[in-house]
């Protein structure tokens, strides 16, 4: 077994905006060997809800065995229980289990077409963040309220009005 894309993990961890020691819920779709799940679990701590979905049964078995070995070697570190599920990440039912209430953070560990993102984004809680690799991009979705606050919109409108007034004065007011 190998870790497929360790070079992206730093960017993904930063983009997920994980809160150390929190009770954030985390969903890892296409979790592979579980390496990224373990990094996230170590950051979030023992009170987080953590679900990993992987399509390859052999890889899930390897991930579970590796996690047990790691926990045995590091008894002083308490991770949240990581529920590892054998299944297709594109078929996660948002009407059952943790998905019913949504996840605070979702990481997609496999490339998928942008057209499939809407379905996965429905698994997010309000204010949640989804991150994952694309063919030549990093997917980074967050709720619109985090992109632009109402205050920012007001300030932006005022600036445009001021700019418009200045342009109007320069263009149409006679110079003395």
C-alpha atoms as a PDB file:
ATOM      1  CA  UNK A   1       0.000   0.000   0.000  1.00  0.00           C
ATOM      2  CA  UNK A   2       1.106   3.552  -0.571  1.00  0.00           C
ATOM      3  CA  UNK A   3       0.003   7.067   0.254  1.00  0.00           C
ATOM      4  CA  UNK A   4      -1.180   8.477  -3.049  1.00  0.00           C
ATOM      5  CA  UNK A   5      -0.785  12.243  -2.690  1.00  0.00           C
ATOM      6  CA  UNK A   6       1.028  13.323   0.477  1.00  0.00           C
ATOM      7  CA  UNK A   7       2.068  16.589  -1.208  1.00  0.00           C
ATOM      8  CA  UNK A   8      -1.520  17.844  -1.102  1.00  0.00           C
ATOM      9  CA  UNK A   9      -2.161  17.075   2.584  1.00  0.00           C
ATOM     10  CA  UNK A  10      -0.625  20.300   3.927  1.00  0.00           C
ATOM     11  CA  UNK A  11      -2.804  22.468   1.686  1.00  0.00           C
ATOM     12  CA  UNK A  12      -5.863  20.365   2.455  1.00  0.00           C
ATOM     13  CA  UNK A  13      -5.320  20.545   6.226  1.00  0.00           C
ATOM     14  CA  UNK A  14      -4.974  24.316   6.028  1.00  0.00           C
ATOM     15  CA  UNK A  15      -8.059  24.705   3.826  1.00  0.00           C
ATOM     16  CA  UNK A  16     -10.196  22.548   6.144  1.00  0.00           C
ATOM     17  CA  UNK A  17      -9.720  25.052   8.998  1.00  0.00           C
ATOM     18  CA  UNK A  18      -9.770  22.317  11.627  1.00  0.00           C
ATOM     19  CA  UNK A  19     -10.185  23.367  15.253  1.00  0.00           C
ATOM     20  CA  UNK A  20      -7.815  21.434  17.509  1.00  0.00           C
ATOM     21  CA  UNK A  21      -9.510  19.578  20.324  1.00  0.00           C
ATOM     22  CA  UNK A  22     -12.981  20.315  18.983  1.00  0.00           C
ATOM     23  CA  UNK A  23     -16.045  18.189  18.406  1.00  0.00           C
ATOM     24  CA  UNK A  24     -16.134  18.947  14.673  1.00  0.00           C
ATOM     25  CA  UNK A  25     -17.461  16.153  12.488  1.00  0.00           C
ATOM     26  CA  UNK A  26     -15.251  14.987   9.630  1.00  0.00           C
ATOM     27  CA  UNK A  27     -16.031  12.892   6.553  1.00  0.00           C
ATOM     28  CA  UNK A  28     -13.192  11.518   4.429  1.00  0.00           C
ATOM     29  CA  UNK A  29     -14.459  10.261   1.067  1.00  0.00           C
ATOM     30  CA  UNK A  30     -11.999   8.016  -0.752  1.00  0.00           C
ATOM     31  CA  UNK A  31     -10.040   7.582   2.462  1.00  0.00           C
ATOM     32  CA  UNK A  32      -7.507   5.095   1.087  1.00  0.00           C
ATOM     33  CA  UNK A  33      -4.962   3.895   3.635  1.00  0.00           C
ATOM     34  CA  UNK A  34      -6.395   6.166   6.330  1.00  0.00           C
ATOM     35  CA  UNK A  35      -3.240   8.277   6.586  1.00  0.00           C
ATOM     36  CA  UNK A  36      -5.075  11.591   6.114  1.00  0.00           C
ATOM     37  CA  UNK A  37      -7.867  10.472   8.451  1.00  0.00           C
ATOM     38  CA  UNK A  38      -5.296   9.807  11.166  1.00  0.00           C
ATOM     39  CA  UNK A  39      -3.721  13.246  10.700  1.00  0.00           C
ATOM     40  CA  UNK A  40      -7.133  14.907  10.989  1.00  0.00           C
ATOM     41  CA  UNK A  41      -8.105  12.742  13.977  1.00  0.00           C
ATOM     42  CA  UNK A  42      -4.885  13.715  15.735  1.00  0.00           C
ATOM     43  CA  UNK A  43      -5.703  17.419  15.246  1.00  0.00           C
ATOM     44  CA  UNK A  44      -9.395  17.212  16.180  1.00  0.00           C
ATOM     45  CA  UNK A  45      -8.882  15.053  19.259  1.00  0.00           C
ATOM     46  CA  UNK A  46     -11.056  12.468  20.965  1.00  0.00           C
ATOM     47  CA  UNK A  47     -14.400  14.312  20.868  1.00  0.00           C
ATOM     48  CA  UNK A  48     -14.769  14.583  17.095  1.00  0.00           C
ATOM     49  CA  UNK A  49     -17.072  12.456  14.949  1.00  0.00           C
ATOM     50  CA  UNK A  50     -15.050  10.862  12.180  1.00  0.00           C
ATOM     51  CA  UNK A  51     -16.209   8.775   9.203  1.00  0.00           C
ATOM     52  CA  UNK A  52     -14.002   7.409   6.407  1.00  0.00           C
ATOM     53  CA  UNK A  53     -15.444   5.851   3.235  1.00  0.00           C
ATOM     54  CA  UNK A  54     -13.315   3.749   0.875  1.00  0.00           C
ATOM     55  CA  UNK A  55     -14.421   1.666  -2.107  1.00  0.00           C
ATOM     56  CA  UNK A  56     -11.599  -0.904  -1.910  1.00  0.00           C
ATOM     57  CA  UNK A  57     -12.257  -3.500   0.810  1.00  0.00           C
ATOM     58  CA  UNK A  58      -8.610  -4.560   0.980  1.00  0.00           C
ATOM     59  CA  UNK A  59      -7.546  -0.953   1.517  1.00  0.00           C
ATOM     60  CA  UNK A  60     -10.083  -0.531   4.361  1.00  0.00           C
ATOM     61  CA  UNK A  61      -8.724  -3.687   6.004  1.00  0.00           C
ATOM     62  CA  UNK A  62      -5.163  -2.357   5.678  1.00  0.00           C
ATOM     63  CA  UNK A  63      -6.215   1.027   7.088  1.00  0.00           C
ATOM     64  CA  UNK A  64      -7.927  -0.586  10.094  1.00  0.00           C
ATOM     65  CA  UNK A  65      -4.887  -2.769  10.834  1.00  0.00           C
ATOM     66  CA  UNK A  66      -2.512   0.185  10.468  1.00  0.00           C
ATOM     67  CA  UNK A  67      -4.655   2.311  12.786  1.00  0.00           C
ATOM     68  CA  UNK A  68      -4.631  -0.419  15.456  1.00  0.00           C
ATOM     69  CA  UNK A  69      -0.838  -0.720  15.191  1.00  0.00           C
ATOM     70  CA  UNK A  70      -0.402   3.053  15.432  1.00  0.00           C
ATOM     71  CA  UNK A  71      -2.695   3.293  18.448  1.00  0.00           C
ATOM     72  CA  UNK A  72      -0.793   0.478  20.162  1.00  0.00           C
ATOM     73  CA  UNK A  73       2.488   2.285  19.538  1.00  0.00           C
ATOM     74  CA  UNK A  74       1.050   5.644  20.757  1.00  0.00           C
ATOM     75  CA  UNK A  75      -1.139   4.869  23.794  1.00  0.00           C
ATOM     76  CA  UNK A  76      -0.752   8.425  25.131  1.00  0.00           C
ATOM     77  CA  UNK A  77      -2.596   9.908  22.122  1.00  0.00           C
ATOM     78  CA  UNK A  78      -6.368   9.487  22.133  1.00  0.00           C
ATOM     79  CA  UNK A  79      -8.005   9.694  18.728  1.00  0.00           C
ATOM     80  CA  UNK A  80     -11.717   9.845  18.071  1.00  0.00           C
ATOM     81  CA  UNK A  81     -13.128   6.544  16.890  1.00  0.00           C
ATOM     82  CA  UNK A  82     -12.747   6.507  13.109  1.00  0.00           C
ATOM     83  CA  UNK A  83     -15.682   4.695  11.533  1.00  0.00           C
ATOM     84  CA  UNK A  84     -14.240   3.122   8.382  1.00  0.00           C
ATOM     85  CA  UNK A  85     -16.907   2.147   5.879  1.00  0.00           C
ATOM     86  CA  UNK A  86     -16.495   0.042   2.773  1.00  0.00           C
ATOM     87  CA  UNK A  87     -18.559   1.740   0.073  1.00  0.00           C
ATOM     88  CA  UNK A  88     -18.828   4.144  -2.823  1.00  0.00           C
ATOM     89  CA  UNK A  89     -18.310   7.749  -1.704  1.00  0.00           C
ATOM     90  CA  UNK A  90     -20.719   8.936  -4.397  1.00  0.00           C
ATOM     91  CA  UNK A  91     -23.510   6.887  -2.846  1.00  0.00           C
ATOM     92  CA  UNK A  92     -23.366   8.187   0.723  1.00  0.00           C
ATOM     93  CA  UNK A  93     -26.972   8.622   1.821  1.00  0.00           C
ATOM     94  CA  UNK A  94     -27.588  12.048   3.354  1.00  0.00           C
ATOM     95  CA  UNK A  95     -30.706  10.670   5.075  1.00  0.00           C
ATOM     96  CA  UNK A  96     -28.879   8.263   7.429  1.00  0.00           C
ATOM     97  CA  UNK A  97     -26.412   8.305  10.311  1.00  0.00           C
ATOM     98  CA  UNK A  98     -24.014  11.246  10.701  1.00  0.00           C
ATOM     99  CA  UNK A  99     -24.884  12.398   7.176  1.00  0.00           C
ATOM    100  CA  UNK A 100     -28.411  13.174   8.356  1.00  0.00           C
ATOM    101  CA  UNK A 101     -27.124  16.096  10.446  1.00  0.00           C
ATOM    102  CA  UNK A 102     -24.275  16.909   8.069  1.00  0.00           C
ATOM    103  CA  UNK A 103     -20.541  17.200   8.528  1.00  0.00           C
ATOM    104  CA  UNK A 104     -18.493  20.219   9.576  1.00  0.00           C
ATOM    105  CA  UNK A 105     -15.634  19.230   7.276  1.00  0.00           C
ATOM    106  CA  UNK A 106     -15.434  16.945   4.238  1.00  0.00           C
ATOM    107  CA  UNK A 107     -12.289  15.882   2.434  1.00  0.00           C
ATOM    108  CA  UNK A 108     -12.511  14.135  -0.929  1.00  0.00           C
ATOM    109  CA  UNK A 109      -9.448  11.929  -1.277  1.00  0.00           C
ATOM    110  CA  UNK A 110     -10.020  11.055  -4.910  1.00  0.00           C
ATOM    111  CA  UNK A 111     -10.492  13.081  -8.063  1.00  0.00           C
ATOM    112  CA  UNK A 112     -14.078  13.344  -9.170  1.00  0.00           C
ATOM    113  CA  UNK A 113     -15.948  15.364 -11.783  1.00  0.00           C
ATOM    114  CA  UNK A 114     -17.184  18.780 -10.679  1.00  0.00           C
ATOM    115  CA  UNK A 115     -20.728  17.725 -11.578  1.00  0.00           C
ATOM    116  CA  UNK A 116     -20.681  15.310  -8.604  1.00  0.00           C
ATOM    117  CA  UNK A 117     -19.740  18.006  -6.072  1.00  0.00           C
ATOM    118  CA  UNK A 118     -23.271  19.294  -5.502  1.00  0.00           C
ATOM    119  CA  UNK A 119     -24.410  15.948  -4.163  1.00  0.00           C
ATOM    120  CA  UNK A 120     -21.438  15.719  -1.817  1.00  0.00           C
ATOM    121  CA  UNK A 121     -21.790  19.369  -0.765  1.00  0.00           C
ATOM    122  CA  UNK A 122     -25.303  18.492   0.478  1.00  0.00           C
ATOM    123  CA  UNK A 123     -23.560  16.480   3.210  1.00  0.00           C
ATOM    124  CA  UNK A 124     -22.118  19.680   4.713  1.00  0.00           C
ATOM    125  CA  UNK A 125     -23.553  21.381   7.766  1.00  0.00           C
ATOM    126  CA  UNK A 126     -24.252  25.108   7.379  1.00  0.00           C
ATOM    127  CA  UNK A 127     -20.870  26.782   7.666  1.00  0.00           C
ATOM    128  CA  UNK A 128     -19.058  23.582   6.705  1.00  0.00           C
ATOM    129  CA  UNK A 129     -16.064  23.283   4.394  1.00  0.00           C
ATOM    130  CA  UNK A 130     -15.384  20.758   1.619  1.00  0.00           C
ATOM    131  CA  UNK A 131     -11.875  20.267   0.199  1.00  0.00           C
ATOM    132  CA  UNK A 132     -10.428  17.831  -2.307  1.00  0.00           C
ATOM    133  CA  UNK A 133      -8.239  17.379  -5.364  1.00  0.00           C
ATOM    134  CA  UNK A 134      -9.415  17.872  -8.927  1.00  0.00           C
ATOM    135  CA  UNK A 135      -7.586  17.101 -12.164  1.00  0.00           C
ATOM    136  CA  UNK A 136      -5.706  20.406 -12.159  1.00  0.00           C
ATOM    137  CA  UNK A 137      -7.249  22.244  -9.224  1.00  0.00           C
ATOM    138  CA  UNK A 138      -8.029  21.971  -5.547  1.00  0.00           C
ATOM    139  CA  UNK A 139     -11.730  21.968  -4.809  1.00  0.00           C
ATOM    140  CA  UNK A 140     -12.504  24.346  -1.972  1.00  0.00           C
ATOM    141  CA  UNK A 141     -16.150  24.939  -1.185  1.00  0.00           C
ATOM    142  CA  UNK A 142     -17.482  26.858   1.719  1.00  0.00           C
ATOM    143  CA  UNK A 143     -20.811  28.537   2.341  1.00  0.00           C
ATOM    144  CA  UNK A 144     -21.375  31.874   0.643  1.00  0.00           C
ATOM    145  CA  UNK A 145     -21.787  33.569   4.000  1.00  0.00           C
ATOM    146  CA  UNK A 146     -18.095  32.873   4.642  1.00  0.00           C
ATOM    147  CA  UNK A 147     -17.061  34.271   1.246  1.00  0.00           C
ATOM    148  CA  UNK A 148     -18.758  37.644   1.522  1.00  0.00           C
ATOM    149  CA  UNK A 149     -20.246  39.037   4.689  1.00  0.00           C
ATOM    150  CA  UNK A 150     -23.213  41.444   4.508  1.00  0.00           C
ATOM    151  CA  UNK A 151     -20.977  44.183   5.907  1.00  0.00           C
ATOM    152  CA  UNK A 152     -18.496  43.638   3.093  1.00  0.00           C
ATOM    153  CA  UNK A 153     -21.289  43.956   0.520  1.00  0.00           C
ATOM    154  CA  UNK A 154     -22.398  47.278   2.051  1.00  0.00           C
ATOM    155  CA  UNK A 155     -18.834  48.637   2.026  1.00  0.00           C
ATOM    156  CA  UNK A 156     -18.341  47.440  -1.537  1.00  0.00           C
ATOM    157  CA  UNK A 157     -21.563  49.160  -2.660  1.00  0.00           C
ATOM    158  CA  UNK A 158     -20.529  52.404  -0.968  1.00  0.00           C
ATOM    159  CA  UNK A 159     -17.122  52.271  -2.651  1.00  0.00           C
ATOM    160  CA  UNK A 160     -18.708  51.727  -6.067  1.00  0.00           C
ATOM    161  CA  UNK A 161     -21.092  54.639  -5.470  1.00  0.00           C
ATOM    162  CA  UNK A 162     -18.175  56.869  -4.498  1.00  0.00           C
ATOM    163  CA  UNK A 163     -16.195  55.773  -7.549  1.00  0.00           C
ATOM    164  CA  UNK A 164     -19.207  56.413  -9.790  1.00  0.00           C
ATOM    165  CA  UNK A 165     -19.687  59.897  -8.329  1.00  0.00           C
ATOM    166  CA  UNK A 166     -16.009  60.731  -8.874  1.00  0.00           C
ATOM    167  CA  UNK A 167     -16.138  59.524 -12.472  1.00  0.00           C
ATOM    168  CA  UNK A 168     -19.318  61.491 -13.071  1.00  0.00           C
ATOM    169  CA  UNK A 169     -17.725  64.642 -11.684  1.00  0.00           C
ATOM    170  CA  UNK A 170     -14.592  64.197 -13.790  1.00  0.00           C
ATOM    171  CA  UNK A 171     -16.491  63.533 -16.976  1.00  0.00           C
ATOM    172  CA  UNK A 172     -19.480  65.868 -16.779  1.00  0.00           C
ATOM    173  CA  UNK A 173     -18.638  68.745 -14.451  1.00  0.00           C
ATOM    174  CA  UNK A 174     -17.051  71.720 -16.164  1.00  0.00           C
ATOM    175  CA  UNK A 175     -13.575  72.524 -14.992  1.00  0.00           C
ATOM    176  CA  UNK A 176     -13.024  76.038 -13.744  1.00  0.00           C
END
